[in-house]
Protein backbone atom coordinates (compact mmCIF):
# COMPACT_ATOMS: atom_id res chain seq x y z
CA MET A 1 -15.37 -22.84 -33.25
CA THR A 2 -16.38 -26.11 -31.58
CA GLN A 3 -13.39 -28.08 -30.33
CA ASN A 4 -12.60 -31.39 -31.98
CA PHE A 5 -13.91 -34.34 -29.93
CA ALA A 6 -10.61 -36.22 -30.01
CA ASP A 7 -8.80 -33.17 -28.63
CA ARG A 8 -11.34 -32.80 -25.82
CA LEU A 9 -10.98 -36.50 -25.03
CA THR A 10 -7.19 -36.26 -25.04
CA SER A 11 -7.35 -33.39 -22.53
CA ALA A 12 -9.81 -35.28 -20.32
CA VAL A 13 -7.62 -38.40 -20.28
CA GLU A 14 -4.54 -36.37 -19.38
CA LYS A 15 -6.41 -34.61 -16.59
CA ALA A 16 -7.69 -37.88 -15.12
CA GLY A 17 -4.38 -39.66 -15.63
CA ASN A 18 -6.03 -42.79 -17.02
CA PRO A 19 -8.00 -43.97 -20.09
CA ILE A 20 -10.97 -45.53 -18.29
CA VAL A 21 -14.57 -45.23 -19.43
CA VAL A 22 -17.14 -46.51 -16.94
CA GLY A 23 -20.05 -48.24 -18.62
CA LEU A 24 -23.33 -47.10 -17.11
CA ASP A 25 -25.28 -50.32 -17.65
CA PRO A 26 -28.00 -50.30 -14.98
CA HIS A 27 -28.99 -53.96 -14.94
CA LEU A 28 -32.17 -53.63 -12.90
CA ALA A 29 -31.70 -56.99 -11.18
CA LEU A 30 -28.22 -56.04 -9.94
CA LEU A 31 -28.81 -52.64 -8.35
CA PRO A 32 -28.10 -52.30 -4.60
CA ASP A 33 -30.99 -53.04 -2.24
CA GLU A 34 -31.77 -49.38 -1.62
CA PHE A 35 -32.85 -49.21 -5.28
CA GLN A 36 -34.84 -52.43 -5.24
CA VAL A 37 -37.92 -50.64 -6.55
CA ALA A 38 -36.14 -50.70 -9.94
CA ARG A 39 -36.75 -54.45 -10.17
CA ASP A 40 -40.25 -54.44 -8.69
CA PRO A 41 -42.64 -55.50 -11.49
CA HIS A 42 -45.50 -53.83 -9.63
CA ALA A 43 -43.79 -50.44 -9.45
CA SER A 44 -44.50 -47.86 -12.13
CA ARG A 45 -41.98 -47.24 -14.87
CA ALA A 46 -41.51 -43.73 -13.51
CA GLU A 47 -40.59 -45.09 -10.05
CA ARG A 48 -38.18 -47.61 -11.54
CA ALA A 49 -36.57 -45.00 -13.78
CA GLU A 50 -36.13 -42.65 -10.82
CA ALA A 51 -34.25 -45.38 -8.96
CA VAL A 52 -31.96 -45.88 -11.95
CA VAL A 53 -31.20 -42.16 -12.08
CA SER A 54 -30.50 -42.05 -8.34
CA PHE A 55 -28.07 -44.96 -8.57
CA LEU A 56 -26.25 -43.69 -11.64
CA THR A 57 -25.91 -40.13 -10.39
CA GLY A 58 -24.20 -41.65 -7.37
CA ILE A 59 -21.85 -43.54 -9.69
CA ILE A 60 -21.21 -40.32 -11.61
CA GLU A 61 -20.19 -38.63 -8.35
CA VAL A 62 -17.69 -41.45 -7.84
CA CYS A 63 -16.38 -41.15 -11.41
CA ALA A 64 -15.95 -37.37 -11.45
CA GLY A 65 -12.28 -36.53 -11.12
CA ARG A 66 -11.25 -40.20 -11.19
CA VAL A 67 -11.92 -41.17 -14.81
CA PRO A 68 -12.32 -39.16 -18.01
CA ALA A 69 -15.52 -40.67 -19.39
CA VAL A 70 -18.71 -42.63 -18.88
CA LYS A 71 -20.73 -44.68 -21.35
CA PRO A 72 -24.48 -45.02 -20.69
CA GLN A 73 -26.01 -47.99 -22.51
CA SER A 74 -29.36 -46.91 -23.92
CA ALA A 75 -30.96 -50.36 -23.94
CA PHE A 76 -31.12 -50.53 -20.15
CA PHE A 77 -33.01 -47.25 -20.13
CA GLU A 78 -35.28 -48.03 -23.06
CA VAL A 79 -36.77 -51.05 -21.27
CA LEU A 80 -38.52 -48.48 -19.09
CA GLY A 81 -40.15 -46.75 -22.05
CA ALA A 82 -40.53 -42.97 -22.17
CA ASP A 83 -39.57 -42.69 -18.50
CA GLY A 84 -36.37 -44.57 -19.29
CA VAL A 85 -35.52 -42.24 -22.17
CA ARG A 86 -35.99 -39.24 -19.86
CA ALA A 87 -33.78 -41.02 -17.33
CA PHE A 88 -31.10 -41.46 -19.99
CA GLU A 89 -31.18 -37.73 -20.73
CA ARG A 90 -30.92 -36.88 -17.03
CA VAL A 91 -27.92 -39.19 -16.63
CA VAL A 92 -26.20 -37.64 -19.66
CA GLN A 93 -26.91 -34.18 -18.26
CA ALA A 94 -25.53 -35.10 -14.83
CA ALA A 95 -22.38 -36.63 -16.30
CA LYS A 96 -21.65 -33.61 -18.48
CA ALA A 97 -22.26 -31.28 -15.55
CA ALA A 98 -19.68 -33.33 -13.61
CA GLY A 99 -17.10 -32.69 -16.33
CA LEU A 100 -17.15 -36.20 -17.79
CA ILE A 101 -16.99 -37.11 -21.48
CA VAL A 102 -20.20 -38.99 -22.37
CA VAL A 103 -20.14 -41.78 -24.93
CA GLY A 104 -23.70 -42.81 -25.77
CA ASP A 105 -23.71 -46.55 -26.33
CA VAL A 106 -26.58 -46.55 -28.82
CA LYS A 107 -25.17 -48.58 -31.76
CA ARG A 108 -27.21 -46.77 -34.38
CA GLY A 109 -27.05 -47.65 -38.07
CA ASP A 110 -29.69 -47.05 -40.75
CA ILE A 111 -30.32 -45.49 -44.16
CA GLY A 112 -29.24 -41.90 -44.68
CA SER A 113 -32.38 -39.99 -43.71
CA THR A 114 -32.96 -42.11 -40.63
CA ALA A 115 -29.29 -41.96 -39.70
CA ALA A 116 -29.52 -38.16 -39.87
CA ALA A 117 -32.34 -38.24 -37.33
CA TYR A 118 -30.37 -40.58 -35.08
CA ALA A 119 -27.31 -38.32 -35.33
CA GLU A 120 -29.35 -35.29 -34.35
CA ALA A 121 -31.02 -37.16 -31.50
CA CYS A 122 -27.71 -38.36 -30.06
CA LEU A 123 -25.13 -35.75 -30.95
CA SER A 124 -26.20 -32.50 -32.52
CA GLY A 125 -29.64 -31.54 -31.24
CA ALA A 126 -30.39 -28.07 -29.94
CA GLU A 127 -30.55 -29.14 -26.27
CA THR A 128 -26.79 -29.47 -25.90
CA ASP A 129 -26.84 -30.35 -22.21
CA ILE A 130 -28.46 -33.73 -22.99
CA MET A 131 -26.44 -34.48 -26.14
CA CYS A 132 -23.72 -37.11 -25.89
CA ASP A 133 -20.14 -36.20 -26.76
CA ALA A 134 -19.84 -39.34 -28.87
CA ALA A 135 -21.96 -42.31 -29.92
CA THR A 136 -21.42 -45.88 -31.06
CA VAL A 137 -22.55 -46.69 -34.59
CA ASN A 138 -22.94 -49.78 -36.78
CA PRO A 139 -21.35 -49.56 -40.27
CA TYR A 140 -23.14 -52.53 -41.85
CA LEU A 141 -25.22 -50.33 -44.19
CA GLY A 142 -22.19 -48.55 -45.59
CA THR A 143 -20.99 -44.98 -46.03
CA ASP A 144 -24.36 -43.31 -46.55
CA SER A 145 -25.44 -44.57 -43.11
CA ILE A 146 -22.31 -43.07 -41.52
CA GLN A 147 -22.16 -39.73 -43.34
CA PRO A 148 -24.86 -38.03 -41.20
CA PHE A 149 -22.83 -38.89 -38.11
CA LEU A 150 -19.68 -37.48 -39.71
CA ASP A 151 -21.61 -34.30 -40.46
CA ALA A 152 -22.72 -34.16 -36.82
CA CYS A 153 -19.13 -34.65 -35.68
CA GLU A 154 -18.01 -31.66 -37.72
CA ARG A 155 -21.01 -29.51 -36.81
CA ALA A 156 -21.15 -30.24 -33.08
CA GLY A 157 -17.58 -31.23 -32.25
CA ALA A 158 -18.83 -34.75 -31.53
CA GLY A 159 -17.28 -38.17 -32.05
CA ILE A 160 -18.34 -41.65 -33.10
CA TYR A 161 -17.03 -45.13 -32.40
CA VAL A 162 -17.70 -47.52 -35.27
CA LEU A 163 -18.15 -51.22 -34.53
CA ALA A 164 -15.15 -53.05 -35.93
CA ARG A 165 -13.98 -56.13 -33.96
CA THR A 166 -16.38 -56.65 -31.12
CA SER A 167 -15.87 -58.71 -27.97
CA ASN A 168 -18.98 -60.90 -28.04
CA PRO A 169 -18.50 -64.68 -28.48
CA SER A 170 -20.00 -65.01 -31.98
CA SER A 171 -18.40 -61.88 -33.45
CA ALA A 172 -16.16 -63.97 -35.72
CA GLU A 173 -19.15 -65.27 -37.70
CA PHE A 174 -19.01 -62.18 -39.92
CA GLN A 175 -16.13 -60.01 -38.77
CA THR A 176 -13.30 -62.41 -39.64
CA LEU A 177 -14.73 -63.65 -42.95
CA ASN A 178 -12.04 -63.74 -45.60
CA VAL A 179 -13.05 -61.35 -48.34
CA ASP A 180 -10.45 -61.69 -51.09
CA GLY A 181 -7.88 -64.18 -49.90
CA ALA A 182 -5.80 -61.57 -48.11
CA THR A 183 -8.12 -59.39 -46.04
CA THR A 184 -11.02 -59.98 -43.73
CA LEU A 185 -14.26 -58.06 -43.45
CA VAL A 186 -12.97 -56.22 -40.40
CA ASP A 187 -9.93 -55.09 -42.40
CA HIS A 188 -12.24 -53.44 -44.92
CA VAL A 189 -14.24 -51.85 -42.11
CA ALA A 190 -11.01 -50.61 -40.54
CA ASP A 191 -9.92 -49.02 -43.81
CA ALA A 192 -13.31 -47.31 -44.11
CA ILE A 193 -13.06 -46.01 -40.55
CA SER A 194 -9.65 -44.50 -41.32
CA ARG A 195 -11.01 -42.92 -44.47
CA TRP A 196 -14.09 -41.53 -42.72
CA GLY A 197 -11.91 -40.00 -40.04
CA GLU A 198 -9.34 -38.27 -42.22
CA GLY A 199 -11.07 -34.88 -42.12
CA LEU A 200 -11.70 -35.00 -38.39
CA VAL A 201 -8.16 -35.37 -37.04
CA GLY A 202 -7.45 -32.87 -34.28
CA THR A 203 -4.28 -31.19 -33.09
CA SER A 204 -3.75 -34.19 -30.83
CA GLY A 205 -3.16 -36.35 -33.91
CA TRP A 206 -6.22 -38.46 -33.18
CA SER A 207 -9.44 -38.53 -35.17
CA SER A 208 -12.96 -38.00 -33.86
CA VAL A 209 -13.94 -41.19 -35.72
CA GLY A 210 -13.02 -44.13 -33.52
CA ALA A 211 -13.37 -47.89 -33.65
CA VAL A 212 -14.76 -50.45 -31.23
CA VAL A 213 -12.17 -53.21 -30.83
CA GLY A 214 -12.53 -55.82 -28.10
CA ALA A 215 -9.95 -56.63 -25.44
CA THR A 216 -10.70 -60.31 -26.07
CA HIS A 217 -8.81 -60.17 -29.40
CA PRO A 218 -5.34 -58.88 -28.41
CA ASP A 219 -3.51 -60.00 -31.57
CA GLU A 220 -6.09 -58.41 -33.83
CA LEU A 221 -6.14 -55.30 -31.66
CA ARG A 222 -2.40 -54.81 -32.26
CA ARG A 223 -2.82 -55.48 -35.98
CA LEU A 224 -5.73 -53.07 -36.28
CA ARG A 225 -3.80 -50.39 -34.42
CA LYS A 226 -1.19 -50.51 -37.21
CA ARG A 227 -3.96 -50.37 -39.80
CA MET A 228 -5.66 -47.40 -38.10
CA PRO A 229 -2.81 -45.30 -36.65
CA HIS A 230 -4.90 -42.17 -35.99
CA THR A 231 -8.08 -43.89 -34.85
CA PRO A 232 -8.98 -43.89 -31.14
CA PHE A 233 -10.28 -47.23 -29.94
CA LEU A 234 -13.13 -47.99 -27.58
CA ILE A 235 -12.23 -51.27 -25.90
CA PRO A 236 -14.92 -53.45 -24.34
CA GLY A 237 -14.16 -56.86 -22.88
CA TYR A 238 -11.76 -55.84 -20.11
CA GLY A 239 -12.36 -57.55 -16.77
CA ALA A 240 -15.68 -59.39 -16.68
CA GLN A 241 -15.30 -60.68 -20.26
CA GLY A 242 -11.73 -61.85 -19.71
CA GLY A 243 -9.56 -59.16 -21.30
CA SER A 244 -6.49 -58.10 -19.30
CA ALA A 245 -4.48 -54.89 -19.18
CA LYS A 246 -1.63 -56.56 -21.05
CA ASP A 247 -4.06 -57.70 -23.75
CA ILE A 248 -4.92 -54.11 -24.61
CA ALA A 249 -1.46 -52.56 -24.34
CA GLY A 250 -1.04 -52.68 -28.12
CA ALA A 251 -3.79 -50.08 -28.59
CA PHE A 252 -1.86 -47.30 -26.82
CA ASP A 253 1.05 -45.00 -27.45
CA GLU A 254 4.14 -45.17 -25.27
CA SER A 255 2.52 -43.10 -22.52
CA GLY A 256 -0.11 -45.74 -21.92
CA LEU A 257 -2.73 -42.99 -21.91
CA HIS A 258 -3.59 -42.17 -25.50
CA GLY A 259 -5.08 -44.31 -28.22
CA ALA A 260 -8.06 -45.88 -26.51
CA LEU A 261 -10.73 -45.81 -23.83
CA VAL A 262 -10.98 -49.01 -21.83
CA ASN A 263 -14.47 -49.87 -20.66
CA SER A 264 -15.51 -51.46 -17.40
CA SER A 265 -19.17 -51.71 -16.46
CA ARG A 266 -20.22 -54.47 -14.09
CA GLY A 267 -16.80 -54.60 -12.44
CA ILE A 268 -17.29 -51.06 -11.15
CA LEU A 269 -21.05 -50.52 -10.89
CA PHE A 270 -21.62 -53.76 -9.04
CA ALA A 271 -18.33 -54.13 -7.18
CA TRP A 272 -20.38 -53.97 -3.99
CA GLN A 273 -21.53 -57.55 -4.61
CA LYS A 274 -18.02 -58.75 -3.80
CA GLU A 275 -17.80 -56.50 -0.75
CA THR A 276 -21.07 -57.20 1.00
CA GLU A 277 -20.13 -55.16 4.07
CA ALA A 278 -19.13 -52.09 2.04
CA HIS A 279 -21.32 -49.29 0.76
CA TRP A 280 -21.74 -49.57 -3.00
CA LYS A 281 -20.07 -46.20 -3.60
CA ASP A 282 -17.00 -47.17 -1.60
CA ALA A 283 -16.76 -50.46 -3.46
CA ALA A 284 -16.97 -48.61 -6.80
CA VAL A 285 -14.15 -46.26 -5.75
CA ARG A 286 -11.93 -49.22 -4.88
CA ALA A 287 -12.77 -50.94 -8.17
CA ILE A 288 -11.81 -47.83 -10.14
CA ASP A 289 -8.59 -47.48 -8.18
CA ALA A 290 -7.75 -51.14 -8.82
CA MET A 291 -8.38 -50.75 -12.55
CA ARG A 292 -6.23 -47.62 -12.68
CA ALA A 293 -3.40 -49.48 -10.97
CA ASP A 294 -3.80 -52.49 -13.26
CA LEU A 295 -3.61 -50.37 -16.41
CA ALA A 296 -0.65 -48.38 -15.08
CA ALA A 297 1.24 -51.59 -14.25
CA ALA A 298 0.85 -52.81 -17.82
CA PHE A 299 2.95 -49.86 -19.01
CA ALA A 300 5.43 -49.74 -16.15
């Protein structure tokens, strides 16, 4: 029987001793100079994609044993066309081989038949070594757009993180709309997430159906934790977007380990830009260590 995603994640977090997920967002313009071909408009897509893979496999080496998970963002690969998609698969494969949980940041959401194809492509296809352990999904189309992903979670022991309260500046335009005088749209989404996840709760007490809740909304994060007690959160917005370790403390249990994954992307991948004399790998190690210490201090 395939192990529940939430249980696998819980074990990975305990082994690493922290709840960090490193966002693999290979902004082509920000890669270290040794990968400058990635931003050369005259280079072939294949050459640029190869540079992205080389950089990110180096980051994966840094992450292995230090954090439980990584989160490749598909958009930065897709800009390189078919070569980029192959690069995405190679990065997923390398991360899984290194023992890391892989959250595919793909934000899929479509009608049922199309959602089923997306779920298979991301989570439950036959080539398991390039399948993500979990994927981000958009609930705007309703339950029938989510059901194929729930089926994939049960079939493949995968997980999903449903967009709930995101960290981008204009997220309040829709997410905080008052629906009936007492609840907001995000409250209704949160209730749906809890309902979708009821049949996928593992022995850890956490569900394989998670929610994306930004670090930039600490009060709402605490409120949504009470509304979704068994839902693991994926928390963007820490660091570069202004969220602090204390802002996200309300998402966790008393151990400070379980309840959420906290994402950092640019702050780790491109830490070398603040340490111009350091090798980019060494700078990434120090950035991870600093984040681990920051999160630990919030629960001291």
